[in-house]
Amino acid sequence: MYSFANDYSEGAHESILEEMTRTARRQTGCYGIDEYCDAARQAIQKDLQNPESAIHFLVGGSQTNMIVATLVLRPHQGMVSAASGHVNVHESGAIEGTGHKVLALPCDEQGKLTAAQVDEYIQGHYDDSTAEHMVQPGMVYISNPTENGTIYTKQELTELKAVCEKWNIPLYMDGARLGCALTSHANDLTMADLGKLTDIFYIGGTKMGALFGEALVINNPAYQADFRSIMKQRGGMLAKGKLLGIQFHQLFKDGLYYELAKYANDQARRLEQGIKALGYGFLVETPTNQIFPILPKKVLERLSGRYSWSFWCGIDAEHDAIRLCTSWATPAEMVEAFLADLAEAGK
């Protein structure tokens, strides 16, 4: 059975594993203070172009989100998110586990927050005469791509940043699949833009060809003090931090990160085009490596012994929307095989 269920079923790109093996016996500093982490920071800074930014390496995305919440939020504050946001849906209450509430706002199938929506929500909070009795909005969380595979434009991000500055709260971007957003045919953002238009964001490695790891970028100096102490306290400081540095250096020194992300997007476009050619529609149009076709349940049943995917939502008595997710390592022949089998199952 071949899995289109996620983009982290494979191990890691060969160049990462080879470099880990080559350097396995070399002694270095610990806890992210070593030559490999320094080299990785320098490689990322070439794209980021923001010398004020501080870069830290952590193991996973949920861990990173939880530590950022701990860093930023005061005891009475919560995290504003789209209702479909990862922190609200798929992190087992990790944010709530820090003592903070996710303040979920409704969203459509695009899964995005708008500047006007956030502004109206925060204005409504402070206009309420009982505001001091309610959880105060303390930061805005978005992901790019979203849980629904859509991306933010530069204009949308600029507007969100302006609203956050108006209310003096930080804008935080979850970048678990950031490479797929930045290499999308619909994208107009650069890494340098993110260095200016967010207070904090992270560059996902786990889903982008690394064995594990995320690079957290703190652009706003107001949130840089004592971060390593908080990271240590929350279990995010890896003793063998060089393992993270090695991976991100390999991903960024020659543009491998973007190459792998573009490949994942390209395979998704091949799947998307093939599915459309067979006459099927989609729950939402996406430009990244997650696609959401609407297929007959009887067709899905026929395919279920050969492929796996993520159920997304029911459409009606006869149709479901599923998520097909491609990765940096999805074989082109498996895309063609799926399309051929889908055509046969639909007869």
C-alpha atoms as a PDB file:
ATOM      1  CA  MET A   1       0.000   0.000   0.000  1.00  0.00           C
ATOM      2  CA  TYR A   2       1.268   3.472  -0.872  1.00  0.00           C
ATOM      3  CA  SER A   3       0.448   6.378   1.445  1.00  0.00           C
ATOM      4  CA  PHE A   4      -0.687   9.833   0.390  1.00  0.00           C
ATOM      5  CA  ALA A   5      -1.801  10.441   3.996  1.00  0.00           C
ATOM      6  CA  ASN A   6       0.987  12.873   4.932  1.00  0.00           C
ATOM      7  CA  ASP A   7       4.362  14.299   3.953  1.00  0.00           C
ATOM      8  CA  TYR A   8       6.477  12.892   6.780  1.00  0.00           C
ATOM      9  CA  SER A   9       6.254   9.135   6.268  1.00  0.00           C
ATOM     10  CA  GLU A  10       9.696   8.981   4.647  1.00  0.00           C
ATOM     11  CA  GLY A  11      12.954   9.363   6.540  1.00  0.00           C
ATOM     12  CA  ALA A  12      15.191  12.168   5.312  1.00  0.00           C
ATOM     13  CA  HIS A  13      16.962  13.310   2.188  1.00  0.00           C
ATOM     14  CA  GLU A  14      20.094  11.305   1.496  1.00  0.00           C
ATOM     15  CA  SER A  15      22.441  14.285   1.751  1.00  0.00           C
ATOM     16  CA  ILE A  16      21.288  14.877   5.342  1.00  0.00           C
ATOM     17  CA  LEU A  17      21.816  11.260   6.356  1.00  0.00           C
ATOM     18  CA  GLU A  18      25.210  11.190   4.649  1.00  0.00           C
ATOM     19  CA  GLU A  19      26.350  14.319   6.490  1.00  0.00           C
ATOM     20  CA  MET A  20      25.126  12.930   9.801  1.00  0.00           C
ATOM     21  CA  THR A  21      27.113   9.763   9.179  1.00  0.00           C
ATOM     22  CA  ARG A  22      30.210  11.662   8.053  1.00  0.00           C
ATOM     23  CA  THR A  23      30.228  13.808  11.200  1.00  0.00           C
ATOM     24  CA  ALA A  24      28.947  11.200  13.658  1.00  0.00           C
ATOM     25  CA  ARG A  25      32.223  10.825  15.590  1.00  0.00           C
ATOM     26  CA  ARG A  26      33.156  14.507  15.620  1.00  0.00           C
ATOM     27  CA  GLN A  27      32.850  16.266  18.980  1.00  0.00           C
ATOM     28  CA  THR A  28      31.118  19.625  19.082  1.00  0.00           C
ATOM     29  CA  GLY A  29      29.457  21.949  21.530  1.00  0.00           C
ATOM     30  CA  CYS A  30      26.013  21.021  22.830  1.00  0.00           C
ATOM     31  CA  TYR A  31      22.521  22.493  23.104  1.00  0.00           C
ATOM     32  CA  GLY A  32      22.649  24.276  19.751  1.00  0.00           C
ATOM     33  CA  ILE A  33      25.927  26.089  20.456  1.00  0.00           C
ATOM     34  CA  ASP A  34      28.107  24.443  17.839  1.00  0.00           C
ATOM     35  CA  GLU A  35      29.634  24.989  14.426  1.00  0.00           C
ATOM     36  CA  TYR A  36      26.822  23.232  12.543  1.00  0.00           C
ATOM     37  CA  CYS A  37      24.040  25.294  14.094  1.00  0.00           C
ATOM     38  CA  ASP A  38      26.081  28.432  13.452  1.00  0.00           C
ATOM     39  CA  ALA A  39      26.511  27.447   9.802  1.00  0.00           C
ATOM     40  CA  ALA A  40      22.787  26.713   9.499  1.00  0.00           C
ATOM     41  CA  ARG A  41      21.891  30.101  10.970  1.00  0.00           C
ATOM     42  CA  GLN A  42      24.190  31.827   8.505  1.00  0.00           C
ATOM     43  CA  ALA A  43      22.669  29.911   5.581  1.00  0.00           C
ATOM     44  CA  ILE A  44      19.130  30.834   6.638  1.00  0.00           C
ATOM     45  CA  GLN A  45      20.165  34.464   7.212  1.00  0.00           C
ATOM     46  CA  LYS A  46      21.212  34.739   3.555  1.00  0.00           C
ATOM     47  CA  ASP A  47      17.553  34.318   2.610  1.00  0.00           C
ATOM     48  CA  LEU A  48      16.110  36.071   5.652  1.00  0.00           C
ATOM     49  CA  GLN A  49      18.190  39.238   5.327  1.00  0.00           C
ATOM     50  CA  ASN A  50      17.264  40.453   8.794  1.00  0.00           C
ATOM     51  CA  PRO A  51      20.321  40.736  11.067  1.00  0.00           C
ATOM     52  CA  GLU A  52      18.064  41.452  14.071  1.00  0.00           C
ATOM     53  CA  SER A  53      16.450  38.017  13.831  1.00  0.00           C
ATOM     54  CA  ALA A  54      17.421  35.269  16.276  1.00  0.00           C
ATOM     55  CA  ILE A  55      17.266  31.666  15.022  1.00  0.00           C
ATOM     56  CA  HIS A  56      16.765  28.666  17.293  1.00  0.00           C
ATOM     57  CA  PHE A  57      16.380  24.986  16.410  1.00  0.00           C
ATOM     58  CA  LEU A  58      13.701  22.762  17.938  1.00  0.00           C
ATOM     59  CA  VAL A  59      12.557  19.212  17.321  1.00  0.00           C
ATOM     60  CA  GLY A  60       8.883  19.483  16.297  1.00  0.00           C
ATOM     61  CA  GLY A  61       6.132  21.848  15.273  1.00  0.00           C
ATOM     62  CA  SER A  62       3.703  21.294  18.142  1.00  0.00           C
ATOM     63  CA  GLN A  63       6.580  21.705  20.581  1.00  0.00           C
ATOM     64  CA  THR A  64       7.549  24.954  18.863  1.00  0.00           C
ATOM     65  CA  ASN A  65       4.012  26.341  18.981  1.00  0.00           C
ATOM     66  CA  MET A  66       3.711  25.493  22.669  1.00  0.00           C
ATOM     67  CA  ILE A  67       7.017  27.151  23.544  1.00  0.00           C
ATOM     68  CA  VAL A  68       6.149  30.293  21.571  1.00  0.00           C
ATOM     69  CA  ALA A  69       2.860  30.542  23.466  1.00  0.00           C
ATOM     70  CA  THR A  70       4.780  30.252  26.729  1.00  0.00           C
ATOM     71  CA  LEU A  71       7.243  32.903  25.584  1.00  0.00           C
ATOM     72  CA  VAL A  72       4.744  35.491  24.410  1.00  0.00           C
ATOM     73  CA  LEU A  73       1.517  35.200  26.356  1.00  0.00           C
ATOM     74  CA  ARG A  74       0.862  36.635  29.803  1.00  0.00           C
ATOM     75  CA  PRO A  75      -1.290  34.504  32.164  1.00  0.00           C
ATOM     76  CA  HIS A  76      -4.572  36.179  31.192  1.00  0.00           C
ATOM     77  CA  GLN A  77      -3.998  36.105  27.432  1.00  0.00           C
ATOM     78  CA  GLY A  78      -4.923  33.726  24.615  1.00  0.00           C
ATOM     79  CA  MET A  79      -3.894  32.913  21.048  1.00  0.00           C
ATOM     80  CA  VAL A  80      -6.146  34.089  18.202  1.00  0.00           C
ATOM     81  CA  SER A  81      -6.417  31.433  15.491  1.00  0.00           C
ATOM     82  CA  ALA A  82      -8.651  30.326  12.646  1.00  0.00           C
ATOM     83  CA  ALA A  83     -11.031  27.621  13.860  1.00  0.00           C
ATOM     84  CA  SER A  84      -9.302  25.183  11.492  1.00  0.00           C
ATOM     85  CA  GLY A  85      -5.831  26.163  12.747  1.00  0.00           C
ATOM     86  CA  HIS A  86      -3.463  23.409  13.789  1.00  0.00           C
ATOM     87  CA  VAL A  87      -3.172  24.745  17.349  1.00  0.00           C
ATOM     88  CA  ASN A  88      -6.948  24.558  17.699  1.00  0.00           C
ATOM     89  CA  VAL A  89      -7.581  21.193  16.059  1.00  0.00           C
ATOM     90  CA  HIS A  90      -4.575  18.882  15.989  1.00  0.00           C
ATOM     91  CA  GLU A  91      -2.344  19.503  18.996  1.00  0.00           C
ATOM     92  CA  SER A  92      -4.239  17.716  21.785  1.00  0.00           C
ATOM     93  CA  GLY A  93      -4.782  20.948  23.679  1.00  0.00           C
ATOM     94  CA  ALA A  94      -1.055  21.763  23.826  1.00  0.00           C
ATOM     95  CA  ILE A  95      -1.703  25.490  23.962  1.00  0.00           C
ATOM     96  CA  GLU A  96      -4.345  25.038  26.637  1.00  0.00           C
ATOM     97  CA  GLY A  97      -1.820  22.872  28.464  1.00  0.00           C
ATOM     98  CA  THR A  98       0.370  25.941  28.874  1.00  0.00           C
ATOM     99  CA  GLY A  99      -2.511  27.663  30.670  1.00  0.00           C
ATOM    100  CA  HIS A 100      -3.602  29.716  27.670  1.00  0.00           C
ATOM    101  CA  LYS A 101      -6.745  29.546  25.571  1.00  0.00           C
ATOM    102  CA  VAL A 102      -6.987  29.296  21.793  1.00  0.00           C
ATOM    103  CA  LEU A 103      -9.404  32.013  20.687  1.00  0.00           C
ATOM    104  CA  ALA A 104     -10.800  30.367  17.550  1.00  0.00           C
ATOM    105  CA  LEU A 105     -12.399  32.538  14.862  1.00  0.00           C
ATOM    106  CA  PRO A 106     -14.662  31.105  12.140  1.00  0.00           C
ATOM    107  CA  CYS A 107     -13.170  30.624   8.682  1.00  0.00           C
ATOM    108  CA  ASP A 108     -14.286  29.329   5.302  1.00  0.00           C
ATOM    109  CA  GLU A 109     -12.747  26.528   3.269  1.00  0.00           C
ATOM    110  CA  GLN A 110      -9.685  28.715   2.645  1.00  0.00           C
ATOM    111  CA  GLY A 111      -8.760  28.352   6.324  1.00  0.00           C
ATOM    112  CA  LYS A 112      -7.332  31.866   6.558  1.00  0.00           C
ATOM    113  CA  LEU A 113      -7.742  34.750   8.973  1.00  0.00           C
ATOM    114  CA  THR A 114      -8.337  38.185   7.489  1.00  0.00           C
ATOM    115  CA  ALA A 115      -7.062  41.460   8.875  1.00  0.00           C
ATOM    116  CA  ALA A 116     -10.584  42.874   9.081  1.00  0.00           C
ATOM    117  CA  GLN A 117     -11.799  39.817  10.989  1.00  0.00           C
ATOM    118  CA  VAL A 118      -8.973  40.002  13.521  1.00  0.00           C
ATOM    119  CA  ASP A 119      -9.387  43.748  13.949  1.00  0.00           C
ATOM    120  CA  GLU A 120     -13.143  43.406  14.517  1.00  0.00           C
ATOM    121  CA  TYR A 121     -12.616  40.626  17.051  1.00  0.00           C
ATOM    122  CA  ILE A 122     -10.038  42.518  19.102  1.00  0.00           C
ATOM    123  CA  GLN A 123     -12.040  45.749  18.899  1.00  0.00           C
ATOM    124  CA  GLY A 124     -15.086  43.841  20.122  1.00  0.00           C
ATOM    125  CA  HIS A 125     -13.132  42.472  23.048  1.00  0.00           C
ATOM    126  CA  TYR A 126     -12.071  45.899  24.292  1.00  0.00           C
ATOM    127  CA  ASP A 127     -15.473  47.454  23.583  1.00  0.00           C
ATOM    128  CA  ASP A 128     -17.107  44.943  25.907  1.00  0.00           C
ATOM    129  CA  SER A 129     -17.668  46.398  29.365  1.00  0.00           C
ATOM    130  CA  THR A 130     -16.729  43.008  30.867  1.00  0.00           C
ATOM    131  CA  ALA A 131     -13.450  42.704  28.943  1.00  0.00           C
ATOM    132  CA  GLU A 132     -11.394  42.337  32.109  1.00  0.00           C
ATOM    133  CA  HIS A 133     -13.336  39.161  32.913  1.00  0.00           C
ATOM    134  CA  MET A 134     -12.498  37.525  29.573  1.00  0.00           C
ATOM    135  CA  VAL A 135      -9.371  36.052  27.993  1.00  0.00           C
ATOM    136  CA  GLN A 136      -7.452  38.874  26.341  1.00  0.00           C
ATOM    137  CA  PRO A 137      -6.166  38.437  22.772  1.00  0.00           C
ATOM    138  CA  GLY A 138      -2.396  38.248  23.211  1.00  0.00           C
ATOM    139  CA  MET A 139      -1.090  37.083  19.849  1.00  0.00           C
ATOM    140  CA  VAL A 140      -2.305  36.102  16.392  1.00  0.00           C
ATOM    141  CA  TYR A 141      -1.473  32.664  15.020  1.00  0.00           C
ATOM    142  CA  ILE A 142      -1.591  31.761  11.328  1.00  0.00           C
ATOM    143  CA  SER A 143      -0.033  28.978   9.316  1.00  0.00           C
ATOM    144  CA  ASN A 144       1.355  29.199   5.801  1.00  0.00           C
ATOM    145  CA  PRO A 145       0.246  27.027   4.111  1.00  0.00           C
ATOM    146  CA  THR A 146      -2.957  26.694   6.093  1.00  0.00           C
ATOM    147  CA  GLU A 147      -4.395  23.375   7.212  1.00  0.00           C
ATOM    148  CA  ASN A 148      -6.389  23.496   3.973  1.00  0.00           C
ATOM    149  CA  GLY A 149      -3.335  23.917   1.754  1.00  0.00           C
ATOM    150  CA  THR A 150      -3.994  27.558   0.881  1.00  0.00           C
ATOM    151  CA  ILE A 151      -1.441  30.348   1.200  1.00  0.00           C
ATOM    152  CA  TYR A 152      -1.288  33.957   2.343  1.00  0.00           C
ATOM    153  CA  THR A 153      -0.406  36.688  -0.132  1.00  0.00           C
ATOM    154  CA  LYS A 154       2.011  39.481   0.673  1.00  0.00           C
ATOM    155  CA  GLN A 155      -0.899  41.928   0.798  1.00  0.00           C
ATOM    156  CA  GLU A 156      -2.855  39.748   3.232  1.00  0.00           C
ATOM    157  CA  LEU A 157       0.176  39.335   5.477  1.00  0.00           C
ATOM    158  CA  THR A 158       0.938  43.059   5.346  1.00  0.00           C
ATOM    159  CA  GLU A 159      -2.620  43.843   6.423  1.00  0.00           C
ATOM    160  CA  LEU A 160      -2.525  41.313   9.257  1.00  0.00           C
ATOM    161  CA  LYS A 161       0.774  42.716  10.478  1.00  0.00           C
ATOM    162  CA  ALA A 162      -0.687  46.233  10.477  1.00  0.00           C
ATOM    163  CA  VAL A 163      -3.624  45.096  12.630  1.00  0.00           C
ATOM    164  CA  CYS A 164      -1.272  43.372  15.063  1.00  0.00           C
ATOM    165  CA  GLU A 165       0.818  46.528  15.337  1.00  0.00           C
ATOM    166  CA  LYS A 166      -2.349  48.566  15.907  1.00  0.00           C
ATOM    167  CA  TRP A 167      -3.197  46.400  18.932  1.00  0.00           C
ATOM    168  CA  ASN A 168       0.432  45.889  20.002  1.00  0.00           C
ATOM    169  CA  ILE A 169       0.354  42.102  19.802  1.00  0.00           C
ATOM    170  CA  PRO A 170       2.699  39.809  17.845  1.00  0.00           C
ATOM    171  CA  LEU A 171       1.943  38.006  14.597  1.00  0.00           C
ATOM    172  CA  TYR A 172       3.186  34.409  14.664  1.00  0.00           C
ATOM    173  CA  MET A 173       3.370  32.175  11.601  1.00  0.00           C
ATOM    174  CA  ASP A 174       3.495  28.382  11.761  1.00  0.00           C
ATOM    175  CA  GLY A 175       5.647  27.276   8.835  1.00  0.00           C
ATOM    176  CA  ALA A 176       5.449  23.499   9.077  1.00  0.00           C
ATOM    177  CA  ARG A 177       5.116  23.367   5.274  1.00  0.00           C
ATOM    178  CA  LEU A 178       6.582  26.801   4.587  1.00  0.00           C
ATOM    179  CA  GLY A 179       8.718  25.541   1.713  1.00  0.00           C
ATOM    180  CA  CYS A 180       5.601  24.493  -0.189  1.00  0.00           C
ATOM    181  CA  ALA A 181       4.103  27.959   0.293  1.00  0.00           C
ATOM    182  CA  LEU A 182       7.237  29.773  -0.856  1.00  0.00           C
ATOM    183  CA  THR A 183       7.680  27.606  -3.974  1.00  0.00           C
ATOM    184  CA  SER A 184       4.018  27.630  -4.962  1.00  0.00           C
ATOM    185  CA  HIS A 185       3.169  29.052  -8.377  1.00  0.00           C
ATOM    186  CA  ALA A 186       0.695  31.379  -6.630  1.00  0.00           C
ATOM    187  CA  ASN A 187       3.158  32.742  -4.048  1.00  0.00           C
ATOM    188  CA  ASP A 188       4.455  36.309  -3.938  1.00  0.00           C
ATOM    189  CA  LEU A 189       6.231  36.153  -0.563  1.00  0.00           C
ATOM    190  CA  THR A 190       9.930  35.650   0.118  1.00  0.00           C
ATOM    191  CA  MET A 191      11.778  34.562   3.227  1.00  0.00           C
ATOM    192  CA  ALA A 192      12.967  38.152   3.540  1.00  0.00           C
ATOM    193  CA  ASP A 193       9.341  39.328   3.563  1.00  0.00           C
ATOM    194  CA  LEU A 194       8.636  37.011   6.483  1.00  0.00           C
ATOM    195  CA  GLY A 195      11.541  38.574   8.340  1.00  0.00           C
ATOM    196  CA  LYS A 196       9.734  41.906   8.143  1.00  0.00           C
ATOM    197  CA  LEU A 197       6.042  40.986   8.221  1.00  0.00           C
ATOM    198  CA  THR A 198       5.999  38.601  11.197  1.00  0.00           C
ATOM    199  CA  ASP A 199       7.215  38.939  14.746  1.00  0.00           C
ATOM    200  CA  ILE A 200       7.977  35.237  14.989  1.00  0.00           C
ATOM    201  CA  PHE A 201       7.759  32.369  12.493  1.00  0.00           C
ATOM    202  CA  TYR A 202       9.244  28.962  12.026  1.00  0.00           C
ATOM    203  CA  ILE A 203      10.689  27.122   9.074  1.00  0.00           C
ATOM    204  CA  GLY A 204       9.488  23.538   9.032  1.00  0.00           C
ATOM    205  CA  GLY A 205      12.041  20.821   8.414  1.00  0.00           C
ATOM    206  CA  THR A 206      10.169  17.675   9.495  1.00  0.00           C
ATOM    207  CA  LYS A 207       7.796  17.830   6.513  1.00  0.00           C
ATOM    208  CA  MET A 208      10.351  19.295   4.144  1.00  0.00           C
ATOM    209  CA  GLY A 209      13.031  16.621   3.848  1.00  0.00           C
ATOM    210  CA  ALA A 210      14.632  16.677   7.306  1.00  0.00           C
ATOM    211  CA  LEU A 211      14.649  13.722   9.657  1.00  0.00           C
ATOM    212  CA  PHE A 212      13.125  16.072  12.242  1.00  0.00           C
ATOM    213  CA  GLY A 213      13.387  19.696  13.267  1.00  0.00           C
ATOM    214  CA  GLU A 214      12.062  23.232  12.952  1.00  0.00           C
ATOM    215  CA  ALA A 215      13.974  26.513  12.777  1.00  0.00           C
ATOM    216  CA  LEU A 216      12.265  29.176  14.892  1.00  0.00           C
ATOM    217  CA  VAL A 217      12.946  32.746  13.769  1.00  0.00           C
ATOM    218  CA  ILE A 218      12.281  35.507  16.311  1.00  0.00           C
ATOM    219  CA  ASN A 219      12.318  38.745  14.337  1.00  0.00           C
ATOM    220  CA  ASN A 220      11.086  41.066  17.072  1.00  0.00           C
ATOM    221  CA  PRO A 221      13.844  41.736  19.639  1.00  0.00           C
ATOM    222  CA  ALA A 222      11.161  42.227  22.318  1.00  0.00           C
ATOM    223  CA  TYR A 223      10.659  38.438  22.392  1.00  0.00           C
ATOM    224  CA  GLN A 224      14.276  37.325  22.219  1.00  0.00           C
ATOM    225  CA  ALA A 225      15.318  37.736  25.854  1.00  0.00           C
ATOM    226  CA  ASP A 226      15.468  34.525  27.899  1.00  0.00           C
ATOM    227  CA  PHE A 227      14.148  32.384  25.058  1.00  0.00           C
ATOM    228  CA  ARG A 228      16.755  29.687  25.580  1.00  0.00           C
ATOM    229  CA  SER A 229      15.800  29.440  29.253  1.00  0.00           C
ATOM    230  CA  ILE A 230      12.151  28.936  28.297  1.00  0.00           C
ATOM    231  CA  MET A 231      13.144  26.443  25.610  1.00  0.00           C
ATOM    232  CA  LYS A 232      15.113  24.465  28.200  1.00  0.00           C
ATOM    233  CA  GLN A 233      12.330  24.590  30.771  1.00  0.00           C
ATOM    234  CA  ARG A 234       9.794  23.277  28.251  1.00  0.00           C
ATOM    235  CA  GLY A 235      11.949  20.391  27.076  1.00  0.00           C
ATOM    236  CA  GLY A 236      12.819  21.925  23.727  1.00  0.00           C
ATOM    237  CA  MET A 237      16.588  22.197  24.107  1.00  0.00           C
ATOM    238  CA  LEU A 238      18.199  19.183  22.436  1.00  0.00           C
ATOM    239  CA  ALA A 239      21.527  18.177  24.015  1.00  0.00           C
ATOM    240  CA  LYS A 240      22.824  16.967  20.653  1.00  0.00           C
ATOM    241  CA  GLY A 241      21.696  20.154  18.996  1.00  0.00           C
ATOM    242  CA  LYS A 242      24.206  19.694  16.200  1.00  0.00           C
ATOM    243  CA  LEU A 243      21.825  17.116  14.680  1.00  0.00           C
ATOM    244  CA  LEU A 244      19.420  19.963  13.969  1.00  0.00           C
ATOM    245  CA  GLY A 245      22.160  22.259  12.717  1.00  0.00           C
ATOM    246  CA  ILE A 246      23.485  19.633  10.302  1.00  0.00           C
ATOM    247  CA  GLN A 247      20.040  19.165   8.800  1.00  0.00           C
ATOM    248  CA  PHE A 248      19.199  22.820   8.311  1.00  0.00           C
ATOM    249  CA  HIS A 249      22.635  23.576   6.935  1.00  0.00           C
ATOM    250  CA  GLN A 250      22.178  20.870   4.327  1.00  0.00           C
ATOM    251  CA  LEU A 251      18.718  22.169   3.478  1.00  0.00           C
ATOM    252  CA  PHE A 252      19.721  25.815   3.094  1.00  0.00           C
ATOM    253  CA  LYS A 253      23.351  25.976   2.021  1.00  0.00           C
ATOM    254  CA  ASP A 254      22.538  25.338  -1.662  1.00  0.00           C
ATOM    255  CA  GLY A 255      18.759  25.738  -1.871  1.00  0.00           C
ATOM    256  CA  LEU A 256      17.836  22.092  -1.306  1.00  0.00           C
ATOM    257  CA  TYR A 257      14.919  23.176   0.913  1.00  0.00           C
ATOM    258  CA  TYR A 258      13.203  24.957  -1.961  1.00  0.00           C
ATOM    259  CA  GLU A 259      14.048  22.222  -4.463  1.00  0.00           C
ATOM    260  CA  LEU A 260      12.404  19.528  -2.343  1.00  0.00           C
ATOM    261  CA  ALA A 261       9.356  21.686  -1.627  1.00  0.00           C
ATOM    262  CA  LYS A 262       8.851  22.502  -5.299  1.00  0.00           C
ATOM    263  CA  TYR A 263       9.064  18.823  -6.169  1.00  0.00           C
ATOM    264  CA  ALA A 264       6.294  18.041  -3.649  1.00  0.00           C
ATOM    265  CA  ASN A 265       4.146  20.804  -5.150  1.00  0.00           C
ATOM    266  CA  ASP A 266       4.785  19.562  -8.682  1.00  0.00           C
ATOM    267  CA  GLN A 267       3.634  16.043  -7.820  1.00  0.00           C
ATOM    268  CA  ALA A 268       0.477  17.484  -6.242  1.00  0.00           C
ATOM    269  CA  ARG A 269      -0.249  19.444  -9.421  1.00  0.00           C
ATOM    270  CA  ARG A 270       0.087  16.244 -11.474  1.00  0.00           C
ATOM    271  CA  LEU A 271      -2.372  14.517  -9.155  1.00  0.00           C
ATOM    272  CA  GLU A 272      -4.723  17.486  -9.260  1.00  0.00           C
ATOM    273  CA  GLN A 273      -4.709  17.752 -13.045  1.00  0.00           C
ATOM    274  CA  GLY A 274      -5.217  14.026 -13.475  1.00  0.00           C
ATOM    275  CA  ILE A 275      -8.139  13.951 -11.048  1.00  0.00           C
ATOM    276  CA  LYS A 276      -9.759  16.921 -12.768  1.00  0.00           C
ATOM    277  CA  ALA A 277      -9.332  15.203 -16.127  1.00  0.00           C
ATOM    278  CA  LEU A 278     -11.384  12.316 -14.761  1.00  0.00           C
ATOM    279  CA  GLY A 279     -14.230  14.717 -14.001  1.00  0.00           C
ATOM    280  CA  TYR A 280     -13.910  15.036 -10.236  1.00  0.00           C
ATOM    281  CA  GLY A 281     -14.108  18.283  -8.258  1.00  0.00           C
ATOM    282  CA  PHE A 282     -12.315  19.632  -5.191  1.00  0.00           C
ATOM    283  CA  LEU A 283     -13.351  20.951  -1.804  1.00  0.00           C
ATOM    284  CA  VAL A 284     -10.908  23.846  -2.162  1.00  0.00           C
ATOM    285  CA  GLU A 285      -8.389  24.866  -4.814  1.00  0.00           C
ATOM    286  CA  THR A 286      -4.869  24.772  -3.403  1.00  0.00           C
ATOM    287  CA  PRO A 287      -1.475  25.656  -4.888  1.00  0.00           C
ATOM    288  CA  THR A 288       0.611  23.531  -2.508  1.00  0.00           C
ATOM    289  CA  ASN A 289       1.265  19.861  -1.779  1.00  0.00           C
ATOM    290  CA  GLN A 290      -2.104  19.184  -0.142  1.00  0.00           C
ATOM    291  CA  ILE A 291      -5.113  18.615  -2.402  1.00  0.00           C
ATOM    292  CA  PHE A 292      -8.705  17.818  -1.416  1.00  0.00           C
ATOM    293  CA  PRO A 293     -10.617  15.912  -4.096  1.00  0.00           C
ATOM    294  CA  ILE A 294     -14.277  14.995  -3.666  1.00  0.00           C
ATOM    295  CA  LEU A 295     -14.727  11.371  -4.645  1.00  0.00           C
ATOM    296  CA  PRO A 296     -17.541   8.816  -4.550  1.00  0.00           C
ATOM    297  CA  LYS A 297     -17.418   6.605  -1.482  1.00  0.00           C
ATOM    298  CA  LYS A 298     -17.670   3.510  -3.638  1.00  0.00           C
ATOM    299  CA  VAL A 299     -14.577   4.608  -5.576  1.00  0.00           C
ATOM    300  CA  LEU A 300     -12.666   5.246  -2.362  1.00  0.00           C
ATOM    301  CA  GLU A 301     -13.609   1.806  -1.108  1.00  0.00           C
ATOM    302  CA  ARG A 302     -12.193   0.228  -4.261  1.00  0.00           C
ATOM    303  CA  LEU A 303      -8.922   2.142  -3.843  1.00  0.00           C
ATOM    304  CA  SER A 304      -8.547   1.576  -0.107  1.00  0.00           C
ATOM    305  CA  GLY A 305      -6.563  -1.649  -0.383  1.00  0.00           C
ATOM    306  CA  ARG A 306      -3.866  -0.013  -2.490  1.00  0.00           C
ATOM    307  CA  TYR A 307      -3.576   3.533  -1.148  1.00  0.00           C
ATOM    308  CA  SER A 308      -4.106   5.460   2.068  1.00  0.00           C
ATOM    309  CA  TRP A 309      -5.139   9.101   2.509  1.00  0.00           C
ATOM    310  CA  SER A 310      -6.648  11.364   5.143  1.00  0.00           C
ATOM    311  CA  PHE A 311     -10.419  11.613   5.410  1.00  0.00           C
ATOM    312  CA  TRP A 312     -11.286  15.305   5.460  1.00  0.00           C
ATOM    313  CA  CYS A 313     -15.049  15.672   5.595  1.00  0.00           C
ATOM    314  CA  GLY A 314     -18.270  14.134   4.375  1.00  0.00           C
ATOM    315  CA  ILE A 315     -19.973  15.877   1.470  1.00  0.00           C
ATOM    316  CA  ASP A 316     -23.199  13.914   1.134  1.00  0.00           C
ATOM    317  CA  ALA A 317     -24.462  10.357   1.384  1.00  0.00           C
ATOM    318  CA  GLU A 318     -22.387   9.277  -1.602  1.00  0.00           C
ATOM    319  CA  HIS A 319     -19.269  11.490  -1.556  1.00  0.00           C
ATOM    320  CA  ASP A 320     -16.373  12.318   0.761  1.00  0.00           C
ATOM    321  CA  ALA A 321     -13.607  14.902   0.551  1.00  0.00           C
ATOM    322  CA  ILE A 322     -10.183  13.435   1.253  1.00  0.00           C
ATOM    323  CA  ARG A 323      -6.720  14.899   1.524  1.00  0.00           C
ATOM    324  CA  LEU A 324      -3.953  13.635  -0.712  1.00  0.00           C
ATOM    325  CA  CYS A 325      -0.542  14.867   0.411  1.00  0.00           C
ATOM    326  CA  THR A 326       2.625  14.592  -1.639  1.00  0.00           C
ATOM    327  CA  SER A 327       6.150  14.895  -0.286  1.00  0.00           C
ATOM    328  CA  TRP A 328       9.715  15.613  -1.307  1.00  0.00           C
ATOM    329  CA  ALA A 329      10.061  11.859  -1.977  1.00  0.00           C
ATOM    330  CA  THR A 330       6.768  10.963  -3.695  1.00  0.00           C
ATOM    331  CA  PRO A 331       7.685   8.826  -6.739  1.00  0.00           C
ATOM    332  CA  ALA A 332       6.242  10.127  -9.997  1.00  0.00           C
ATOM    333  CA  GLU A 333       5.288   6.579 -10.909  1.00  0.00           C
ATOM    334  CA  MET A 334       3.073   6.334  -7.809  1.00  0.00           C
ATOM    335  CA  VAL A 335       1.205   9.458  -8.907  1.00  0.00           C
ATOM    336  CA  GLU A 336       0.598   7.867 -12.314  1.00  0.00           C
ATOM    337  CA  ALA A 337      -0.397   4.571 -10.716  1.00  0.00           C
ATOM    338  CA  PHE A 338      -2.935   6.289  -8.467  1.00  0.00           C
ATOM    339  CA  LEU A 339      -4.493   8.136 -11.396  1.00  0.00           C
ATOM    340  CA  ALA A 340      -4.715   4.944 -13.439  1.00  0.00           C
ATOM    341  CA  ASP A 341      -6.302   3.065 -10.557  1.00  0.00           C
ATOM    342  CA  LEU A 342      -8.699   5.945  -9.884  1.00  0.00           C
ATOM    343  CA  ALA A 343      -9.811   5.856 -13.520  1.00  0.00           C
ATOM    344  CA  GLU A 344     -10.390   2.115 -13.290  1.00  0.00           C
ATOM    345  CA  ALA A 345     -12.219   2.352  -9.954  1.00  0.00           C
ATOM    346  CA  GLY A 346     -14.563   4.961 -11.368  1.00  0.00           C
ATOM    347  CA  LYS A 347     -15.826   2.780 -14.201  1.00  0.00           C
END
